Protein backbone atom coordinates (compact mmCIF):
# COMPACT_ATOMS: atom_id res chain seq x y z
CA MET A 1 99.47 117.97 109.67
CA SER A 2 100.34 114.31 109.35
CA PHE A 3 102.48 112.86 106.58
CA LEU A 4 102.26 109.34 105.14
CA PHE A 5 104.88 107.99 102.72
CA THR A 6 104.47 104.74 100.77
CA ALA A 7 106.88 103.09 98.35
CA ARG A 8 105.19 100.29 96.44
CA HIS A 9 107.29 97.19 95.63
CA PHE A 10 110.61 98.77 96.67
CA LYS A 11 112.36 100.37 99.61
CA ALA A 12 112.81 104.10 99.13
CA HIS A 13 115.89 105.98 100.34
CA ASP A 14 115.50 108.16 103.41
CA SER A 15 116.54 111.19 101.37
CA LEU A 16 113.58 110.61 99.05
CA LYS A 17 111.19 110.47 102.00
CA GLU A 18 112.70 113.63 103.52
CA TYR A 19 112.40 115.45 100.20
CA ALA A 20 108.72 114.51 99.88
CA GLU A 21 108.03 115.59 103.47
CA GLU A 22 109.74 118.97 102.98
CA GLU A 23 107.76 119.57 99.78
CA SER A 24 104.49 118.68 101.53
CA LYS A 25 105.09 121.30 104.23
CA LYS A 26 104.56 123.97 101.58
CA PHE A 27 100.83 123.14 101.52
CA ALA A 28 100.45 124.39 105.09
CA LYS A 29 101.84 127.76 103.99
CA ILE A 30 99.18 128.01 101.27
CA TYR A 31 96.17 126.81 103.28
CA ASP A 32 96.07 126.14 107.02
CA GLY A 33 93.24 123.60 106.77
CA ILE A 34 95.45 120.73 105.59
CA ILE A 35 94.96 117.62 107.72
CA LYS A 36 97.02 114.89 106.05
CA THR A 37 99.35 114.46 103.08
CA GLU A 38 100.05 111.11 101.44
CA VAL A 39 102.82 110.42 98.92
CA ILE A 40 102.78 107.12 97.04
CA LEU A 41 105.71 106.11 94.82
CA SER A 42 105.80 103.23 92.35
CA TYR A 43 107.53 102.21 89.13
CA ASP A 44 106.82 100.02 86.11
CA LYS A 45 109.88 97.86 85.46
CA PRO A 46 113.33 97.82 87.06
CA GLU A 47 115.21 98.66 83.86
CA ASN A 48 114.41 101.89 81.99
CA SER A 49 111.36 102.32 84.16
CA VAL A 50 108.91 105.15 84.47
CA LYS A 51 108.64 106.43 88.04
CA HIS A 52 105.18 107.40 89.28
CA ALA A 53 104.34 109.72 92.16
CA GLU A 54 100.84 110.21 93.51
CA VAL A 55 100.08 112.93 96.04
CA ILE A 56 96.84 112.96 98.03
CA VAL A 57 96.08 115.90 100.32
CA HIS A 58 93.17 115.84 102.77
CA ALA A 59 91.80 119.16 104.03
CA LYS A 60 89.02 120.36 106.31
CA ASN A 61 85.39 119.62 105.46
CA ASN A 62 86.15 116.41 103.51
CA HIS A 63 88.07 118.07 100.67
CA THR A 64 90.62 115.87 98.92
CA PHE A 65 93.14 116.98 96.32
CA THR A 66 94.99 114.41 94.21
CA ALA A 67 97.60 114.49 91.48
CA LYS A 68 99.77 111.97 89.64
CA GLU A 69 103.00 112.53 87.77
CA SER A 70 105.20 110.13 85.81
CA THR A 71 108.80 110.86 84.79
CA ASP A 72 112.16 109.12 84.66
CA ASP A 73 113.15 110.30 88.16
CA PHE A 74 111.31 110.13 91.50
CA MET A 75 112.34 113.67 92.51
CA LYS A 76 110.90 115.12 89.29
CA SER A 77 107.72 113.08 89.72
CA ILE A 78 107.25 114.26 93.31
CA THR A 79 107.88 117.89 92.36
CA GLY A 80 105.44 117.74 89.43
CA ALA A 81 102.67 116.15 91.48
CA MET A 82 103.20 118.63 94.33
CA GLU A 83 102.91 121.56 91.90
CA LYS A 84 99.63 120.18 90.55
CA VAL A 85 98.20 119.81 94.05
CA SER A 86 99.44 123.29 95.00
CA THR A 87 97.47 124.71 92.10
CA GLN A 88 94.34 122.87 93.24
CA VAL A 89 94.76 124.08 96.84
CA ARG A 90 95.28 127.70 95.72
CA LYS A 91 92.12 127.59 93.57
CA PHE A 92 90.18 126.09 96.47
CA LYS A 93 91.41 128.79 98.86
CA ASP A 94 90.49 131.51 96.34
CA LYS A 95 86.95 130.15 96.22
CA LEU A 96 86.73 130.34 100.01
CA THR A 97 87.69 133.98 100.18
CA ASP A 98 86.01 137.00 98.63
CA ASN A 99 87.82 139.81 96.82
CA LYS A 100 88.76 141.55 100.08
CA GLY A 101 90.58 138.50 101.44
CA GLU A 102 87.95 137.66 104.03
CA LEU A 103 85.87 134.52 104.26
CA SER A 104 82.77 134.76 102.13
CA VAL A 105 79.34 134.64 103.81
CA LYS A 106 78.36 131.19 102.54
CA ASN A 107 81.67 129.66 103.71
CA ILE A 108 81.32 131.14 107.20
CA GLU A 109 77.91 129.47 107.47
CA ALA A 110 79.36 126.14 106.27
CA GLU A 111 82.09 126.18 108.94
CA GLU A 112 79.57 126.71 111.75
């Protein structure tokens, strides 16, 4: 799984990048078909600004999950966006599997 980190119009601290990368590794535990994770950080104004975090996760078979979160702190924004994407990935994985935990028939045909 590759990881891409972008900070728009500012230079982010290394600790912020490491935090985002550690959080993104949780997606691989949920679903093993994750190909790439992108985290994009931006803010409105330097003083009393709102910090935005956008998380884009690419998975097998052209599936893309996205989420945006805006708070007063980058860590909170990253955490909120990651939780939203985690929910999307879990729902997607539940659709792939049947009630017994095995791949459903139509999804096995799609992978071949």
